Every structure is written in structure tokens, then in C-alpha cells.
Amino acid sequence: MNKVYKYRNQLDYEGYKPNRQYQFIDTDSENQWKKILKYNTDNHSVEYYIKNPIQYKLNNYGFRTPDDFNNYDEGNVFLGCSHTFGVGHHLENTWSYKLNQTIGGKFWNLGIGGSGVMTHFRLLLGFYKELKIKNIFHFAPKYPRYEFIENGVPQHYILNEFSKNWKDKFGNLVINSLLTNEQIEFNWLAYTNAIKSIANEVGCNYYLIEGDIGLFNTDESLLARDLVHHTTKEQDLIYKNFLKLYDENLYEKIKNVDNPIFDIKNYMKKTFEHKII
């Protein structure tokens, strides 16, 4: 157990340190932003982020939350990948932060970009005895994502498509096993059930949503700044789906609550007109 425990805060975010603030992170990189500025000059979401830059603030363990981890405040744990971390979004527009604000408690956000259920389990295993946990919320699409201990360090892999690089590293294991629907399903079931067992040990509720395996960006709301991740409306839908699982009465009260940025074109137009006046 101690050999795994020491990797609890291994985030795979090379170069990012705890207690720091960053303008760019993961796929929402500075290079990506420069390309977007060059080729998307008439995009209302791009205009929004020019006027409202994102700041990624990391806590005392390097996770994206304003709350430093401690062993005396009660809070809610959030597990997931970049959708939970909120890559490309202001923190207040992410499903995890919105849900935590609604139900109350410290915001124990363990979301990491590019990760899968194996990583989510490892992080929870490393922290669950040191955090006072009220609830665990887990957004876990069935991505072909795996984590292995390589040369003594956890490393997660996104195997979205077969390539020569994967074959050189793993041989036929990738195409014959890791990318098959059967192995993806088995891996997902094994680790979500392992997380459920930790929730049972803690005595807290475990809320799991499988999610989806696509990025749509087809609605009219504010896009993620990298133009890749879920829109703000899709983030809001995840938030409301979890809230419905948690408390249907609360859900009924807010299910029709809208946000001006869900119509980003009109929002930017009104903002411009207001400034002129």
C-alpha cells in the first residue's frame, strides 16, 4: 500500500507546481491559443476569452480548487478527467464547481486532464484517509485510457486510436486488447467498483455518471477556450444530471435556470452595446 500511496499527488502535469496560478494548461496551451487567435477572429467565444482570460489556480497539492486539502473540513470529492478539472473553462463554469457550490462543503477536486478510471482510483486511494468526504461524484466516460507504473512513476495513456507509436511500445496488446470494447468495459467496471468499495468504507455516497465519448460543441453557448472540450452548456448539463442524482428536489428548483453565456453571440452583442451606452 505504501508503494502506491506515495504517488497520490503524481498528476502527470509536467512543470506545474502546487500553490501556483497558470494562464494555460494541458490542451488549453499558449500555442493553441495563438493559433486560435490567428484563425478564429470572428468567433464570439474567442472574443469572450480575450476580454475574460482564464487563470488556473492550483491548491497545495496541485489540484484545481481554491480549497487547500486538510483533514478537518468536510467536503465533496470530484473524480474525472479534463471535463472535471475544467480545461478551457473558468472554474465557475465547470460542472464540478457548480455542483459543489450548490450542495456546500469544501471542493475536493481530484480531476486530472487526460486521465481514466485507473488514475481516478489511485488518487482517491491516496487521499481518502486524509480528507473528510461527504460525497464522491465521478464523471467517467468509457475512454480507452490506462495507467501503468513505469520506472517507478505512474503514467497514463490515451489510446484513442491505434498508431505505430503504441505498437512500438506495447506490441499487439494495444489492438488485440486495450482498444477492444470488452477490455475497455472490463477496466471501467473493475475500477468504478473499486472506487465504490472505498466509498462504502468511508460511509459516503458515490454518484457515478458514465458520460459520453464525444466532444460535440454544437450548441450556441460559450465554447471552451481550446475549442476542443465541452461547451459551457454541456458542462451545465453534467452539473444538473449529478444534482438530479443527489437531490431531485434541488434539481427541480434549478433545472430551468439559464445562463446568459448559453447564447454567447447575444451575450457579446449586449455587452458591446452596454459599453457604447
C-alpha atoms as a PDB file:
ATOM      1  CA  MET A   1       0.000   0.000   0.000  1.00  0.00           C
ATOM      2  CA  ASN A   2       2.781   2.455   0.882  1.00  0.00           C
ATOM      3  CA  LYS A   3       4.358   1.969  -2.559  1.00  0.00           C
ATOM      4  CA  VAL A   4       1.152   3.179  -4.224  1.00  0.00           C
ATOM      5  CA  TYR A   5       0.364   5.788  -1.573  1.00  0.00           C
ATOM      6  CA  LYS A   6       3.486   7.798  -2.309  1.00  0.00           C
ATOM      7  CA  TYR A   7       2.181   8.505  -5.818  1.00  0.00           C
ATOM      8  CA  ARG A   8      -1.085  10.046  -4.640  1.00  0.00           C
ATOM      9  CA  ASN A   9      -0.194  13.523  -5.919  1.00  0.00           C
ATOM     10  CA  GLN A  10       1.508  12.381  -9.143  1.00  0.00           C
ATOM     11  CA  LEU A  11      -0.546  14.442 -11.592  1.00  0.00           C
ATOM     12  CA  ASP A  12       1.308  13.986 -14.896  1.00  0.00           C
ATOM     13  CA  TYR A  13       1.276  17.780 -15.241  1.00  0.00           C
ATOM     14  CA  GLU A  14       4.919  18.227 -16.029  1.00  0.00           C
ATOM     15  CA  GLY A  15       6.203  21.611 -14.933  1.00  0.00           C
ATOM     16  CA  TYR A  16       3.082  22.632 -12.980  1.00  0.00           C
ATOM     17  CA  LYS A  17       3.573  23.124  -9.259  1.00  0.00           C
ATOM     18  CA  PRO A  18       1.253  23.343  -6.218  1.00  0.00           C
ATOM     19  CA  ASN A  19       0.182  26.740  -4.915  1.00  0.00           C
ATOM     20  CA  ARG A  20       0.673  28.347  -8.303  1.00  0.00           C
ATOM     21  CA  GLN A  21      -1.513  30.043 -10.879  1.00  0.00           C
ATOM     22  CA  TYR A  22      -1.219  29.460 -14.628  1.00  0.00           C
ATOM     23  CA  GLN A  23      -2.706  31.151 -17.676  1.00  0.00           C
ATOM     24  CA  PHE A  24      -2.592  27.991 -19.782  1.00  0.00           C
ATOM     25  CA  ILE A  25      -2.679  24.280 -19.051  1.00  0.00           C
ATOM     26  CA  ASP A  26      -2.986  20.964 -20.933  1.00  0.00           C
ATOM     27  CA  THR A  27      -4.677  21.291 -24.377  1.00  0.00           C
ATOM     28  CA  ASP A  28      -5.579  24.867 -23.473  1.00  0.00           C
ATOM     29  CA  SER A  29      -1.978  25.788 -24.199  1.00  0.00           C
ATOM     30  CA  GLU A  30      -0.427  29.102 -25.159  1.00  0.00           C
ATOM     31  CA  ASN A  31       0.477  27.739 -28.610  1.00  0.00           C
ATOM     32  CA  GLN A  32      -3.098  26.549 -29.158  1.00  0.00           C
ATOM     33  CA  TRP A  33      -4.428  29.955 -28.107  1.00  0.00           C
ATOM     34  CA  LYS A  34      -2.120  31.738 -30.585  1.00  0.00           C
ATOM     35  CA  LYS A  35      -3.395  29.511 -33.401  1.00  0.00           C
ATOM     36  CA  ILE A  36      -6.990  30.159 -32.376  1.00  0.00           C
ATOM     37  CA  LEU A  37      -6.415  33.923 -32.352  1.00  0.00           C
ATOM     38  CA  LYS A  38      -4.955  33.701 -35.847  1.00  0.00           C
ATOM     39  CA  TYR A  39      -7.688  31.614 -37.481  1.00  0.00           C
ATOM     40  CA  ASN A  40     -10.853  32.392 -35.457  1.00  0.00           C
ATOM     41  CA  THR A  41     -11.065  36.171 -35.468  1.00  0.00           C
ATOM     42  CA  ASP A  42     -14.870  36.285 -35.782  1.00  0.00           C
ATOM     43  CA  ASN A  43     -15.613  33.712 -33.076  1.00  0.00           C
ATOM     44  CA  HIS A  44     -17.728  35.112 -30.223  1.00  0.00           C
ATOM     45  CA  SER A  45     -16.234  32.680 -27.696  1.00  0.00           C
ATOM     46  CA  VAL A  46     -12.715  33.767 -28.648  1.00  0.00           C
ATOM     47  CA  GLU A  47     -13.772  37.383 -28.209  1.00  0.00           C
ATOM     48  CA  TYR A  48     -15.113  36.496 -24.755  1.00  0.00           C
ATOM     49  CA  TYR A  49     -11.830  34.934 -23.630  1.00  0.00           C
ATOM     50  CA  ILE A  50      -9.798  37.848 -24.955  1.00  0.00           C
ATOM     51  CA  LYS A  51     -11.785  40.044 -22.592  1.00  0.00           C
ATOM     52  CA  ASN A  52     -12.006  37.428 -19.823  1.00  0.00           C
ATOM     53  CA  PRO A  53      -8.742  35.419 -19.609  1.00  0.00           C
ATOM     54  CA  ILE A  54      -8.682  32.147 -17.673  1.00  0.00           C
ATOM     55  CA  GLN A  55      -6.488  31.646 -14.626  1.00  0.00           C
ATOM     56  CA  TYR A  56      -5.846  28.090 -13.437  1.00  0.00           C
ATOM     57  CA  LYS A  57      -5.236  28.252  -9.697  1.00  0.00           C
ATOM     58  CA  LEU A  58      -3.794  25.082  -8.155  1.00  0.00           C
ATOM     59  CA  ASN A  59      -4.016  24.229  -4.477  1.00  0.00           C
ATOM     60  CA  ASN A  60      -1.422  22.916  -2.007  1.00  0.00           C
ATOM     61  CA  TYR A  61      -1.322  19.535  -3.808  1.00  0.00           C
ATOM     62  CA  GLY A  62      -1.520  20.853  -7.359  1.00  0.00           C
ATOM     63  CA  PHE A  63      -5.248  20.255  -7.940  1.00  0.00           C
ATOM     64  CA  ARG A  64      -7.589  22.856  -9.405  1.00  0.00           C
ATOM     65  CA  THR A  65      -9.569  24.082  -6.432  1.00  0.00           C
ATOM     66  CA  PRO A  66      -9.437  27.178  -4.225  1.00  0.00           C
ATOM     67  CA  ASP A  67      -9.544  24.863  -1.195  1.00  0.00           C
ATOM     68  CA  ASP A  68      -6.282  23.520   0.224  1.00  0.00           C
ATOM     69  CA  PHE A  69      -6.569  19.894   1.282  1.00  0.00           C
ATOM     70  CA  ASN A  70      -6.815  19.259   5.022  1.00  0.00           C
ATOM     71  CA  ASN A  71      -8.118  16.543   7.343  1.00  0.00           C
ATOM     72  CA  TYR A  72     -10.652  18.557   9.342  1.00  0.00           C
ATOM     73  CA  ASP A  73     -13.068  20.251   6.894  1.00  0.00           C
ATOM     74  CA  GLU A  74     -15.840  18.216   5.294  1.00  0.00           C
ATOM     75  CA  GLY A  75     -16.020  18.317   1.532  1.00  0.00           C
ATOM     76  CA  ASN A  76     -17.053  16.577  -1.664  1.00  0.00           C
ATOM     77  CA  VAL A  77     -14.619  14.635  -3.834  1.00  0.00           C
ATOM     78  CA  PHE A  78     -14.840  15.027  -7.600  1.00  0.00           C
ATOM     79  CA  LEU A  79     -13.192  12.443  -9.842  1.00  0.00           C
ATOM     80  CA  GLY A  80     -12.724  12.694 -13.577  1.00  0.00           C
ATOM     81  CA  CYS A  81     -10.659  13.913 -16.484  1.00  0.00           C
ATOM     82  CA  SER A  82     -10.330  17.329 -18.153  1.00  0.00           C
ATOM     83  CA  HIS A  83     -14.108  17.868 -18.035  1.00  0.00           C
ATOM     84  CA  THR A  84     -13.923  17.685 -14.232  1.00  0.00           C
ATOM     85  CA  PHE A  85     -10.689  19.668 -13.994  1.00  0.00           C
ATOM     86  CA  GLY A  86     -12.264  22.227 -16.329  1.00  0.00           C
ATOM     87  CA  VAL A  87      -9.692  22.554 -19.109  1.00  0.00           C
ATOM     88  CA  GLY A  88     -10.589  25.547 -21.269  1.00  0.00           C
ATOM     89  CA  HIS A  89     -13.096  26.931 -18.763  1.00  0.00           C
ATOM     90  CA  HIS A  90     -13.304  29.417 -15.951  1.00  0.00           C
ATOM     91  CA  LEU A  91     -13.711  27.427 -12.762  1.00  0.00           C
ATOM     92  CA  GLU A  92     -17.202  28.806 -12.116  1.00  0.00           C
ATOM     93  CA  ASN A  93     -18.406  27.318 -15.434  1.00  0.00           C
ATOM     94  CA  THR A  94     -17.337  23.731 -14.648  1.00  0.00           C
ATOM     95  CA  TRP A  95     -19.857  21.092 -13.574  1.00  0.00           C
ATOM     96  CA  SER A  96     -17.828  20.112 -10.512  1.00  0.00           C
ATOM     97  CA  TYR A  97     -17.515  23.615  -9.077  1.00  0.00           C
ATOM     98  CA  LYS A  98     -21.165  24.466  -9.787  1.00  0.00           C
ATOM     99  CA  LEU A  99     -22.354  21.301  -8.060  1.00  0.00           C
ATOM    100  CA  ASN A 100     -20.163  21.889  -5.036  1.00  0.00           C
ATOM    101  CA  GLN A 101     -21.399  25.469  -4.728  1.00  0.00           C
ATOM    102  CA  THR A 102     -24.986  24.214  -4.762  1.00  0.00           C
ATOM    103  CA  ILE A 103     -24.648  21.458  -2.159  1.00  0.00           C
ATOM    104  CA  GLY A 104     -21.989  23.059   0.063  1.00  0.00           C
ATOM    105  CA  GLY A 105     -18.748  21.809   1.590  1.00  0.00           C
ATOM    106  CA  LYS A 106     -15.102  22.020   0.632  1.00  0.00           C
ATOM    107  CA  PHE A 107     -14.310  21.457  -3.033  1.00  0.00           C
ATOM    108  CA  TRP A 108     -12.003  18.420  -3.118  1.00  0.00           C
ATOM    109  CA  ASN A 109     -11.445  18.363  -6.891  1.00  0.00           C
ATOM    110  CA  LEU A 110      -9.218  15.432  -7.919  1.00  0.00           C
ATOM    111  CA  GLY A 111      -9.920  15.836 -11.641  1.00  0.00           C
ATOM    112  CA  ILE A 112      -6.931  15.483 -13.973  1.00  0.00           C
ATOM    113  CA  GLY A 113      -6.873  16.070 -17.730  1.00  0.00           C
ATOM    114  CA  GLY A 114      -6.350  13.017 -19.936  1.00  0.00           C
ATOM    115  CA  SER A 115      -6.959  10.534 -17.137  1.00  0.00           C
ATOM    116  CA  GLY A 116      -9.153   7.449 -16.884  1.00  0.00           C
ATOM    117  CA  VAL A 117     -10.666   5.352 -14.115  1.00  0.00           C
ATOM    118  CA  MET A 118      -7.352   3.749 -13.130  1.00  0.00           C
ATOM    119  CA  THR A 119      -5.898   7.161 -12.304  1.00  0.00           C
ATOM    120  CA  HIS A 120      -9.091   8.230 -10.542  1.00  0.00           C
ATOM    121  CA  PHE A 121      -8.897   5.173  -8.290  1.00  0.00           C
ATOM    122  CA  ARG A 122      -5.215   5.748  -7.478  1.00  0.00           C
ATOM    123  CA  LEU A 123      -5.805   9.353  -6.464  1.00  0.00           C
ATOM    124  CA  LEU A 124      -8.803   8.510  -4.301  1.00  0.00           C
ATOM    125  CA  LEU A 125      -6.844   5.657  -2.718  1.00  0.00           C
ATOM    126  CA  GLY A 126      -4.094   8.102  -1.849  1.00  0.00           C
ATOM    127  CA  PHE A 127      -6.311  10.774  -0.314  1.00  0.00           C
ATOM    128  CA  TYR A 128      -9.433   9.176   1.128  1.00  0.00           C
ATOM    129  CA  LYS A 129      -7.959   8.664   4.600  1.00  0.00           C
ATOM    130  CA  GLU A 130      -6.773  12.271   4.797  1.00  0.00           C
ATOM    131  CA  LEU A 131      -9.883  14.072   3.574  1.00  0.00           C
ATOM    132  CA  LYS A 132     -13.243  14.224   5.310  1.00  0.00           C
ATOM    133  CA  ILE A 133     -15.520  13.139   2.474  1.00  0.00           C
ATOM    134  CA  LYS A 134     -19.279  13.766   2.379  1.00  0.00           C
ATOM    135  CA  ASN A 135     -19.871  12.586  -1.194  1.00  0.00           C
ATOM    136  CA  ILE A 136     -17.938  11.290  -4.185  1.00  0.00           C
ATOM    137  CA  PHE A 137     -19.015  12.453  -7.649  1.00  0.00           C
ATOM    138  CA  HIS A 138     -17.413  10.658 -10.570  1.00  0.00           C
ATOM    139  CA  PHE A 139     -17.765  11.643 -14.235  1.00  0.00           C
ATOM    140  CA  ALA A 140     -16.226   8.709 -16.077  1.00  0.00           C
ATOM    141  CA  PRO A 141     -16.694   8.299 -19.834  1.00  0.00           C
ATOM    142  CA  LYS A 142     -15.567   4.897 -21.102  1.00  0.00           C
ATOM    143  CA  TYR A 143     -12.434   6.140 -22.796  1.00  0.00           C
ATOM    144  CA  PRO A 144      -9.582   3.743 -23.697  1.00  0.00           C
ATOM    145  CA  ARG A 145      -7.335   5.297 -21.071  1.00  0.00           C
ATOM    146  CA  TYR A 146      -4.960   3.308 -18.929  1.00  0.00           C
ATOM    147  CA  GLU A 147      -2.383   3.935 -16.239  1.00  0.00           C
ATOM    148  CA  PHE A 148       0.776   1.912 -15.600  1.00  0.00           C
ATOM    149  CA  ILE A 149       3.680   2.291 -13.193  1.00  0.00           C
ATOM    150  CA  GLU A 150       6.684   2.873 -15.446  1.00  0.00           C
ATOM    151  CA  ASN A 151      10.165   3.089 -13.975  1.00  0.00           C
ATOM    152  CA  GLY A 152       8.582   3.730 -10.599  1.00  0.00           C
ATOM    153  CA  VAL A 153       6.291   6.553 -11.788  1.00  0.00           C
ATOM    154  CA  PRO A 154       2.565   6.418 -12.706  1.00  0.00           C
ATOM    155  CA  GLN A 155       1.971   7.256 -16.352  1.00  0.00           C
ATOM    156  CA  HIS A 156      -1.435   7.421 -18.001  1.00  0.00           C
ATOM    157  CA  TYR A 157      -2.053   6.772 -21.685  1.00  0.00           C
ATOM    158  CA  ILE A 158      -4.790   7.966 -24.011  1.00  0.00           C
ATOM    159  CA  LEU A 159      -5.246   5.209 -26.581  1.00  0.00           C
ATOM    160  CA  ASN A 160      -7.853   6.925 -28.732  1.00  0.00           C
ATOM    161  CA  GLU A 161      -6.585   5.388 -31.929  1.00  0.00           C
ATOM    162  CA  PHE A 162      -4.103   2.782 -32.980  1.00  0.00           C
ATOM    163  CA  SER A 163      -0.743   4.135 -34.123  1.00  0.00           C
ATOM    164  CA  LYS A 164       2.781   2.902 -34.762  1.00  0.00           C
ATOM    165  CA  ASN A 165       3.969   4.561 -31.531  1.00  0.00           C
ATOM    166  CA  TRP A 166       1.626   2.414 -29.457  1.00  0.00           C
ATOM    167  CA  LYS A 167       2.638  -0.733 -31.331  1.00  0.00           C
ATOM    168  CA  ASP A 168       6.317   0.021 -30.753  1.00  0.00           C
ATOM    169  CA  LYS A 169       5.657   0.471 -27.030  1.00  0.00           C
ATOM    170  CA  PHE A 170       3.071  -2.219 -26.291  1.00  0.00           C
ATOM    171  CA  GLY A 171       3.149  -4.504 -29.336  1.00  0.00           C
ATOM    172  CA  ASN A 172      -0.085  -6.222 -30.364  1.00  0.00           C
ATOM    173  CA  LEU A 173      -1.509  -5.759 -26.851  1.00  0.00           C
ATOM    174  CA  VAL A 174      -2.996  -2.435 -27.934  1.00  0.00           C
ATOM    175  CA  ILE A 175      -5.055  -3.531 -30.903  1.00  0.00           C
ATOM    176  CA  ASN A 176      -5.804  -7.044 -29.587  1.00  0.00           C
ATOM    177  CA  SER A 177      -6.817  -5.968 -26.082  1.00  0.00           C
ATOM    178  CA  LEU A 178      -6.555  -2.393 -24.833  1.00  0.00           C
ATOM    179  CA  LEU A 179      -8.583  -0.872 -27.657  1.00  0.00           C
ATOM    180  CA  THR A 180     -11.299  -3.543 -27.652  1.00  0.00           C
ATOM    181  CA  ASN A 181     -14.726  -2.693 -26.272  1.00  0.00           C
ATOM    182  CA  GLU A 182     -14.558  -5.718 -23.985  1.00  0.00           C
ATOM    183  CA  GLN A 183     -11.321  -4.638 -22.286  1.00  0.00           C
ATOM    184  CA  ILE A 184     -12.453  -1.000 -22.016  1.00  0.00           C
ATOM    185  CA  GLU A 185     -15.706  -2.144 -20.388  1.00  0.00           C
ATOM    186  CA  PHE A 186     -13.931  -4.566 -18.039  1.00  0.00           C
ATOM    187  CA  ASN A 187     -11.407  -1.925 -16.965  1.00  0.00           C
ATOM    188  CA  TRP A 188     -14.169   0.623 -16.340  1.00  0.00           C
ATOM    189  CA  LEU A 189     -16.236  -1.827 -14.276  1.00  0.00           C
ATOM    190  CA  ALA A 190     -13.248  -3.011 -12.249  1.00  0.00           C
ATOM    191  CA  TYR A 191     -12.110   0.446 -11.186  1.00  0.00           C
ATOM    192  CA  THR A 192     -15.514   2.065 -10.668  1.00  0.00           C
ATOM    193  CA  ASN A 193     -16.378  -0.851  -8.391  1.00  0.00           C
ATOM    194  CA  ALA A 194     -13.066  -0.371  -6.576  1.00  0.00           C
ATOM    195  CA  ILE A 195     -13.975   3.291  -6.050  1.00  0.00           C
ATOM    196  CA  LYS A 196     -17.407   2.215  -4.813  1.00  0.00           C
ATOM    197  CA  SER A 197     -15.737  -0.019  -2.231  1.00  0.00           C
ATOM    198  CA  ILE A 198     -13.756   2.949  -0.898  1.00  0.00           C
ATOM    199  CA  ALA A 199     -16.998   4.956  -0.671  1.00  0.00           C
ATOM    200  CA  ASN A 200     -18.519   2.102   1.329  1.00  0.00           C
ATOM    201  CA  GLU A 201     -15.517   2.074   3.650  1.00  0.00           C
ATOM    202  CA  VAL A 202     -15.765   5.834   4.158  1.00  0.00           C
ATOM    203  CA  GLY A 203     -19.524   5.643   4.593  1.00  0.00           C
ATOM    204  CA  CYS A 204     -20.328   8.225   1.926  1.00  0.00           C
ATOM    205  CA  ASN A 205     -22.454   8.210  -1.206  1.00  0.00           C
ATOM    206  CA  TYR A 206     -20.881   7.512  -4.594  1.00  0.00           C
ATOM    207  CA  TYR A 207     -22.535   9.136  -7.610  1.00  0.00           C
ATOM    208  CA  LEU A 208     -21.343   7.860 -10.976  1.00  0.00           C
ATOM    209  CA  ILE A 209     -22.194   9.085 -14.466  1.00  0.00           C
ATOM    210  CA  GLU A 210     -20.690   7.282 -17.412  1.00  0.00           C
ATOM    211  CA  GLY A 211     -20.879  10.350 -19.612  1.00  0.00           C
ATOM    212  CA  ASP A 212     -20.076  10.163 -23.278  1.00  0.00           C
ATOM    213  CA  ILE A 213     -17.114   9.560 -25.552  1.00  0.00           C
ATOM    214  CA  GLY A 214     -17.613  12.518 -27.874  1.00  0.00           C
ATOM    215  CA  LEU A 215     -16.966  16.240 -27.898  1.00  0.00           C
ATOM    216  CA  PHE A 216     -19.839  17.956 -29.637  1.00  0.00           C
ATOM    217  CA  ASN A 217     -19.627  21.749 -29.377  1.00  0.00           C
ATOM    218  CA  THR A 218     -22.788  22.084 -31.434  1.00  0.00           C
ATOM    219  CA  ASP A 219     -24.825  24.418 -29.221  1.00  0.00           C
ATOM    220  CA  GLU A 220     -24.791  28.220 -29.098  1.00  0.00           C
ATOM    221  CA  SER A 221     -23.166  28.578 -25.692  1.00  0.00           C
ATOM    222  CA  LEU A 222     -19.688  29.727 -24.743  1.00  0.00           C
ATOM    223  CA  LEU A 223     -17.132  27.233 -26.058  1.00  0.00           C
ATOM    224  CA  ALA A 224     -14.120  26.010 -24.137  1.00  0.00           C
ATOM    225  CA  ARG A 225     -11.149  28.276 -24.859  1.00  0.00           C
ATOM    226  CA  ASP A 226      -9.223  25.488 -26.607  1.00  0.00           C
ATOM    227  CA  LEU A 227     -12.282  24.935 -28.888  1.00  0.00           C
ATOM    228  CA  VAL A 228     -11.991  21.212 -28.105  1.00  0.00           C
ATOM    229  CA  HIS A 229     -13.655  20.484 -24.780  1.00  0.00           C
ATOM    230  CA  HIS A 230     -17.310  20.559 -23.796  1.00  0.00           C
ATOM    231  CA  THR A 231     -19.192  23.838 -24.061  1.00  0.00           C
ATOM    232  CA  THR A 232     -20.477  25.671 -21.004  1.00  0.00           C
ATOM    233  CA  LYS A 233     -23.965  24.342 -21.721  1.00  0.00           C
ATOM    234  CA  GLU A 234     -22.676  20.760 -21.820  1.00  0.00           C
ATOM    235  CA  GLN A 235     -20.850  21.391 -18.542  1.00  0.00           C
ATOM    236  CA  ASP A 236     -24.112  22.680 -17.102  1.00  0.00           C
ATOM    237  CA  LEU A 237     -25.944  19.547 -18.260  1.00  0.00           C
ATOM    238  CA  ILE A 238     -23.440  17.337 -16.416  1.00  0.00           C
ATOM    239  CA  TYR A 239     -23.925  19.500 -13.309  1.00  0.00           C
ATOM    240  CA  LYS A 240     -27.703  19.156 -13.473  1.00  0.00           C
ATOM    241  CA  ASN A 241     -27.564  15.405 -14.107  1.00  0.00           C
ATOM    242  CA  PHE A 242     -25.463  14.924 -10.975  1.00  0.00           C
ATOM    243  CA  LEU A 243     -27.699  17.234  -8.965  1.00  0.00           C
ATOM    244  CA  LYS A 244     -30.705  15.144 -10.014  1.00  0.00           C
ATOM    245  CA  LEU A 245     -28.977  12.022  -8.691  1.00  0.00           C
ATOM    246  CA  TYR A 246     -28.052  13.806  -5.475  1.00  0.00           C
ATOM    247  CA  ASP A 247     -31.315  15.618  -4.666  1.00  0.00           C
ATOM    248  CA  GLU A 248     -34.249  15.618  -7.055  1.00  0.00           C
ATOM    249  CA  ASN A 249     -35.989  18.436  -5.174  1.00  0.00           C
ATOM    250  CA  LEU A 250     -32.967  20.697  -5.590  1.00  0.00           C
ATOM    251  CA  TYR A 251     -32.793  19.712  -9.242  1.00  0.00           C
ATOM    252  CA  GLU A 252     -36.420  20.675  -9.825  1.00  0.00           C
ATOM    253  CA  LYS A 253     -35.715  24.144  -8.432  1.00  0.00           C
ATOM    254  CA  ILE A 254     -32.803  24.881 -10.774  1.00  0.00           C
ATOM    255  CA  LYS A 255     -33.383  22.679 -13.829  1.00  0.00           C
ATOM    256  CA  ASN A 256     -34.675  25.567 -15.938  1.00  0.00           C
ATOM    257  CA  VAL A 257     -32.187  28.147 -14.702  1.00  0.00           C
ATOM    258  CA  ASP A 258     -30.323  29.526 -17.680  1.00  0.00           C
ATOM    259  CA  ASN A 259     -27.117  31.479 -18.066  1.00  0.00           C
ATOM    260  CA  PRO A 260     -26.525  34.440 -20.424  1.00  0.00           C
ATOM    261  CA  ILE A 261     -23.389  32.797 -21.818  1.00  0.00           C
ATOM    262  CA  PHE A 262     -25.512  29.901 -23.126  1.00  0.00           C
ATOM    263  CA  ASP A 263     -26.233  32.305 -26.004  1.00  0.00           C
ATOM    264  CA  ILE A 264     -22.751  33.683 -26.419  1.00  0.00           C
ATOM    265  CA  LYS A 265     -23.487  35.641 -29.598  1.00  0.00           C
ATOM    266  CA  ASN A 266     -26.313  37.584 -27.958  1.00  0.00           C
ATOM    267  CA  TYR A 267     -24.343  37.939 -24.723  1.00  0.00           C
ATOM    268  CA  MET A 268     -21.379  39.526 -26.505  1.00  0.00           C
ATOM    269  CA  LYS A 269     -23.695  41.753 -28.518  1.00  0.00           C
ATOM    270  CA  LYS A 270     -25.393  43.061 -25.364  1.00  0.00           C
ATOM    271  CA  THR A 271     -22.054  43.536 -23.646  1.00  0.00           C
ATOM    272  CA  PHE A 272     -20.800  45.627 -26.589  1.00  0.00           C
ATOM    273  CA  GLU A 273     -23.998  47.712 -26.717  1.00  0.00           C
ATOM    274  CA  HIS A 274     -23.839  48.341 -22.967  1.00  0.00           C
ATOM    275  CA  LYS A 275     -20.279  49.649 -23.263  1.00  0.00           C
ATOM    276  CA  ILE A 276     -21.272  52.019 -26.082  1.00  0.00           C
ATOM    277  CA  ILE A 277     -24.110  53.462 -23.997  1.00  0.00           C
END
